[in-house]
Amino acid sequence: MTDHNLWLADDWLELQRVCAGCQEHLTQEILNMKYEIERNRHHTVLRNISGRLKTLDSIQNKLVRYGFEVSPQSACANLHDIVGIRIICSYLKDIEDVVEALSNLPKFEVTEIKDYIAHPKPSGYRSLHVIGITTIEGIGIQCEIQLRTTAMDSWAALEHQLRYKKELPDSAFVNQELLECATLLEQSDIKMQAIHDYIEILNGWSRCDHIDEDQSSHQKWVSIHVPELKDPKQ
C-alpha cells in the first residue's frame, strides 16, 4: 500500500530518485520475465522493452491540469504514470501471456487493467495498459505498463508524430483515415497470429490440445482461426 505521508512538501528530488529506482527495478524484473517466458518458445515474445520517467515539470503540470494539489504526496496518490514501461510483443496472444506473468512480478501489485485492444479508443488507438504499484524502499509508486504488438506501436507512433504540436484543427477526414489505418492493422494482427499458430501446428509446437489429430493441417487452421477472423467491412 502506498504511504503518501512519507513525503515532505519539498521532496520533489527525492520523488524523482525513488521513481528512477522503481523504473530500474521494474525493467530488470521484466527482462528476467522475458527470459523465463521465452525459454520454451520458438519465437521472440517481448520484442522491445523501453521506459520513461515523467519530468518534474510534467508531473506538476499534470497535477495542475487535473486540479490536484501540487505536491509529491498528491503525485503519488493521483498519477498512475509517473513511471512508464512499454512492452512490444510479437503477437496478440503474447500480450495475454505477458499480462499473466506481470501479476507475478516481485514488488509489483496490479491494481487496474485498461484493455484498449478489446475496446479501442474512438481514434483507433489499441493497447493494453497494466497499472500497478511498485514498492521501493518502503514507498509505493504507481506505474503504467503498456503492451502493444508491433502493428499497434507503429500506428501509435505515427499518429503521435502527425498530431504532436501540429495544432491541427479537428479534421473528420484525418480522423477517418487514421481510424481506417488502425482497422487495417488490426486485421494484420489477427492474420499474423493465425499464420503463426498454423506454423506452430505444422511443426508440432502448438500448445493447443483440443485439435483432432485426424484433421489435415489446413482443417486444423480453419477450425481454430476462421471464427476469429473479422469481416473488414464490419
Protein backbone atom coordinates (compact mmCIF):
# COMPACT_ATOMS: atom_id res chain seq x y z
CA MET A 1 0.00 0.00 0.00
CA THR A 2 1.32 3.45 -0.89
CA ASP A 3 2.09 5.65 2.14
CA HIS A 4 1.73 9.17 0.75
CA ASN A 5 2.59 10.70 4.16
CA LEU A 6 6.22 9.63 3.76
CA TRP A 7 6.83 12.63 1.54
CA LEU A 8 7.74 16.10 2.75
CA ALA A 9 6.32 19.11 0.93
CA ASP A 10 9.59 19.83 -0.89
CA ASP A 11 10.65 16.25 -1.59
CA TRP A 12 10.47 16.54 -5.38
CA LEU A 13 14.07 15.45 -5.93
CA GLU A 14 13.58 12.51 -3.58
CA LEU A 15 10.45 11.55 -5.51
CA GLN A 16 12.46 11.65 -8.74
CA ARG A 17 15.20 9.48 -7.20
CA VAL A 18 12.76 6.86 -5.90
CA CYS A 19 10.90 6.78 -9.23
CA ALA A 20 14.18 6.20 -11.07
CA GLY A 21 14.88 3.25 -8.77
CA CYS A 22 11.37 1.98 -9.36
CA GLN A 23 11.84 2.11 -13.13
CA GLU A 24 15.20 0.32 -12.89
CA HIS A 25 13.73 -2.42 -10.69
CA LEU A 26 10.68 -2.93 -12.87
CA THR A 27 12.68 -3.01 -16.10
CA GLN A 28 15.06 -5.63 -14.69
CA GLU A 29 12.20 -7.80 -13.44
CA ILE A 30 10.54 -7.62 -16.86
CA LEU A 31 13.83 -8.65 -18.51
CA ASN A 32 14.01 -11.64 -16.17
CA MET A 33 10.40 -12.43 -17.02
CA LYS A 34 11.22 -12.25 -20.74
CA TYR A 35 13.93 -14.91 -20.40
CA GLU A 36 11.57 -17.15 -18.44
CA ILE A 37 8.65 -16.78 -20.88
CA GLU A 38 10.79 -17.36 -23.97
CA ARG A 39 12.72 -20.32 -22.59
CA ASN A 40 10.42 -22.91 -24.18
CA ARG A 41 9.07 -20.83 -27.06
CA HIS A 42 10.12 -20.80 -30.68
CA HIS A 43 9.75 -17.06 -31.19
CA THR A 44 10.55 -13.76 -29.51
CA VAL A 45 7.64 -12.86 -27.24
CA LEU A 46 8.86 -9.49 -25.95
CA ARG A 47 10.43 -7.73 -28.90
CA ASN A 48 11.25 -4.48 -27.15
CA ILE A 49 11.15 -3.06 -23.62
CA SER A 50 11.51 0.68 -23.01
CA GLY A 51 10.83 3.01 -20.13
CA ARG A 52 10.43 6.66 -19.33
CA LEU A 53 10.04 8.86 -16.25
CA LYS A 54 7.82 11.91 -16.20
CA THR A 55 9.86 15.04 -15.63
CA LEU A 56 9.09 17.12 -12.56
CA ASP A 57 7.64 19.85 -14.81
CA SER A 58 5.39 17.30 -16.49
CA ILE A 59 4.25 15.89 -13.13
CA GLN A 60 3.46 19.32 -11.73
CA ASN A 61 1.70 20.49 -14.91
CA LYS A 62 -0.49 17.39 -14.95
CA LEU A 63 -1.46 17.91 -11.31
CA VAL A 64 -2.47 21.48 -12.11
CA ARG A 65 -4.36 20.39 -15.24
CA TYR A 66 -6.47 17.91 -13.29
CA GLY A 67 -6.99 20.19 -10.30
CA PHE A 68 -4.91 18.22 -7.79
CA GLU A 69 -2.68 19.62 -5.08
CA VAL A 70 0.85 20.15 -6.37
CA SER A 71 2.95 18.05 -4.01
CA PRO A 72 4.86 14.75 -4.04
CA GLN A 73 2.13 13.21 -1.87
CA SER A 74 -0.52 14.24 -4.38
CA ALA A 75 1.57 12.98 -7.31
CA CYS A 76 1.91 9.52 -5.72
CA ALA A 77 -1.78 9.38 -4.89
CA ASN A 78 -3.22 10.65 -8.16
CA LEU A 79 -0.84 9.96 -11.04
CA HIS A 80 -0.50 6.37 -12.23
CA ASP A 81 2.03 7.02 -14.98
CA ILE A 82 4.97 8.74 -13.29
CA VAL A 83 6.87 5.60 -14.24
CA GLY A 84 6.00 4.22 -17.67
CA ILE A 85 7.16 0.98 -19.29
CA ARG A 86 6.28 -0.05 -22.84
CA ILE A 87 6.49 -3.66 -24.00
CA ILE A 88 6.21 -4.54 -27.68
CA CYS A 89 5.10 -8.12 -28.32
CA SER A 90 5.15 -10.16 -31.49
CA TYR A 91 1.58 -11.47 -31.44
CA LEU A 92 -1.79 -10.83 -29.82
CA LYS A 93 -1.66 -13.98 -27.69
CA ASP A 94 1.78 -12.95 -26.42
CA ILE A 95 0.15 -9.96 -24.76
CA GLU A 96 -2.18 -12.28 -22.82
CA ASP A 97 0.79 -14.34 -21.63
CA VAL A 98 2.77 -11.26 -20.58
CA VAL A 99 -0.17 -9.81 -18.62
CA GLU A 100 -0.45 -13.07 -16.68
CA ALA A 101 3.28 -13.04 -15.96
CA LEU A 102 3.20 -9.40 -14.78
CA SER A 103 0.82 -10.36 -11.99
CA ASN A 104 3.62 -12.49 -10.51
CA LEU A 105 6.41 -9.90 -10.60
CA PRO A 106 8.14 -9.28 -7.25
CA LYS A 107 7.23 -5.99 -5.54
CA PHE A 108 4.58 -5.22 -8.15
CA GLU A 109 0.85 -5.27 -7.43
CA VAL A 110 -1.57 -4.95 -10.35
CA THR A 111 -4.38 -2.54 -9.45
CA GLU A 112 -6.13 -1.97 -12.79
CA ILE A 113 -6.12 -3.14 -16.41
CA LYS A 114 -7.34 -0.92 -19.23
CA ASP A 115 -8.00 -3.04 -22.32
CA TYR A 116 -7.94 -0.83 -25.41
CA ILE A 117 -7.45 -3.91 -27.60
CA ALA A 118 -10.87 -5.37 -26.84
CA HIS A 119 -12.27 -1.84 -26.62
CA PRO A 120 -10.24 0.50 -28.88
CA LYS A 121 -10.45 4.24 -28.38
CA PRO A 122 -12.61 6.12 -30.94
CA SER A 123 -9.40 7.30 -32.62
CA GLY A 124 -8.42 3.68 -33.34
CA TYR A 125 -5.76 3.52 -30.61
CA ARG A 126 -5.18 -0.04 -29.39
CA SER A 127 -3.04 -1.12 -26.46
CA LEU A 128 -3.38 -2.84 -23.12
CA HIS A 129 -2.43 -0.82 -20.04
CA VAL A 130 -1.49 -2.58 -16.81
CA ILE A 131 -1.48 -0.18 -13.87
CA GLY A 132 0.13 -1.20 -10.61
CA ILE A 133 2.19 -0.20 -7.61
CA THR A 134 5.89 -0.96 -7.29
CA THR A 135 7.27 -0.77 -3.76
CA ILE A 136 10.82 0.54 -3.43
CA GLU A 137 12.43 1.47 -0.09
CA GLY A 138 9.05 1.02 1.57
CA ILE A 139 7.46 3.56 -0.77
CA GLY A 140 4.80 2.61 -3.30
CA ILE A 141 4.99 4.25 -6.72
CA GLN A 142 2.22 3.90 -9.27
CA CYS A 143 3.41 2.61 -12.64
CA GLU A 144 1.82 2.05 -16.03
CA ILE A 145 2.95 -0.76 -18.33
CA GLN A 146 1.70 -0.52 -21.90
CA LEU A 147 1.59 -3.66 -24.04
CA ARG A 148 1.31 -3.49 -27.82
CA THR A 149 2.04 -5.54 -30.88
CA THR A 150 4.44 -4.12 -33.45
CA ALA A 151 1.47 -3.05 -35.58
CA MET A 152 -0.22 -1.24 -32.67
CA ASP A 153 3.01 0.54 -31.81
CA SER A 154 3.58 1.59 -35.41
CA TRP A 155 0.13 3.20 -35.60
CA ALA A 156 0.52 4.94 -32.22
CA ALA A 157 3.97 6.31 -33.07
CA LEU A 158 2.92 7.68 -36.46
CA GLU A 159 -0.36 9.07 -35.13
CA HIS A 160 1.56 10.88 -32.39
CA GLN A 161 4.06 12.22 -34.94
CA LEU A 162 1.26 13.51 -37.15
CA ARG A 163 -0.57 15.27 -34.34
CA TYR A 164 2.08 16.28 -31.81
CA LYS A 165 2.38 20.07 -31.55
CA LYS A 166 0.87 20.49 -35.00
CA GLU A 167 -2.13 22.44 -33.64
CA LEU A 168 -4.30 20.80 -36.27
CA PRO A 169 -7.98 21.69 -36.30
CA ASP A 170 -10.34 18.79 -35.73
CA SER A 171 -10.49 17.13 -39.13
CA ALA A 172 -13.11 14.48 -39.90
CA PHE A 173 -11.01 13.41 -42.89
CA VAL A 174 -7.81 12.90 -40.88
CA ASN A 175 -9.70 11.15 -38.08
CA GLN A 176 -11.39 8.75 -40.51
CA GLU A 177 -8.17 7.98 -42.37
CA LEU A 178 -6.34 7.20 -39.12
CA LEU A 179 -9.21 5.02 -37.96
CA GLU A 180 -9.15 3.07 -41.23
CA CYS A 181 -5.38 2.56 -40.86
CA ALA A 182 -5.95 1.23 -37.35
CA THR A 183 -8.62 -1.16 -38.63
CA LEU A 184 -6.30 -2.49 -41.35
CA LEU A 185 -3.52 -3.05 -38.82
CA GLU A 186 -5.96 -4.84 -36.51
CA GLN A 187 -6.74 -7.26 -39.35
CA SER A 188 -3.00 -7.68 -39.90
CA ASP A 189 -2.51 -8.60 -36.23
CA ILE A 190 -5.28 -11.20 -36.42
CA LYS A 191 -3.90 -12.75 -39.61
CA MET A 192 -0.31 -12.74 -38.34
CA GLN A 193 -1.50 -14.59 -35.23
CA ALA A 194 -3.32 -17.10 -37.42
CA ILE A 195 -0.24 -17.68 -39.59
CA HIS A 196 1.98 -18.06 -36.52
CA ASP A 197 -0.37 -20.60 -34.95
CA TYR A 198 -0.61 -22.52 -38.22
CA ILE A 199 3.19 -22.78 -38.45
CA GLU A 200 3.39 -23.94 -34.83
CA ILE A 201 0.84 -26.69 -35.59
CA LEU A 202 2.81 -27.79 -38.66
CA ASN A 203 5.96 -28.07 -36.55
CA GLY A 204 4.26 -29.79 -33.64
CA TRP A 205 4.92 -26.84 -31.30
CA SER A 206 1.32 -25.81 -30.70
CA ARG A 207 0.08 -25.70 -27.11
CA CYS A 208 -3.49 -26.40 -28.33
CA ASP A 209 -4.71 -29.75 -27.01
CA HIS A 210 -8.22 -29.80 -28.48
CA ILE A 211 -7.41 -30.39 -32.16
CA ASP A 212 -8.44 -33.66 -33.79
CA GLU A 213 -5.23 -35.31 -34.98
CA ASP A 214 -7.10 -36.86 -37.95
CA GLN A 215 -7.73 -33.42 -39.44
CA SER A 216 -5.46 -32.12 -42.17
CA SER A 217 -3.21 -29.20 -41.27
CA HIS A 218 -5.44 -26.87 -43.25
CA GLN A 219 -8.54 -28.11 -41.44
CA LYS A 220 -6.80 -27.57 -38.11
CA TRP A 221 -6.02 -23.99 -39.08
CA VAL A 222 -9.60 -23.36 -40.19
CA SER A 223 -11.13 -24.91 -37.06
CA ILE A 224 -9.05 -22.66 -34.80
CA HIS A 225 -8.92 -19.37 -36.63
CA VAL A 226 -11.71 -18.79 -39.09
CA PRO A 227 -14.24 -17.93 -36.34
CA GLU A 228 -11.78 -15.33 -35.03
CA LEU A 229 -11.25 -13.52 -38.33
CA LYS A 230 -13.41 -10.41 -38.63
CA ASP A 231 -15.02 -9.01 -41.76
CA PRO A 232 -13.12 -5.75 -42.55
CA LYS A 233 -16.44 -4.17 -43.55
CA GLN A 234 -17.89 -4.61 -40.04
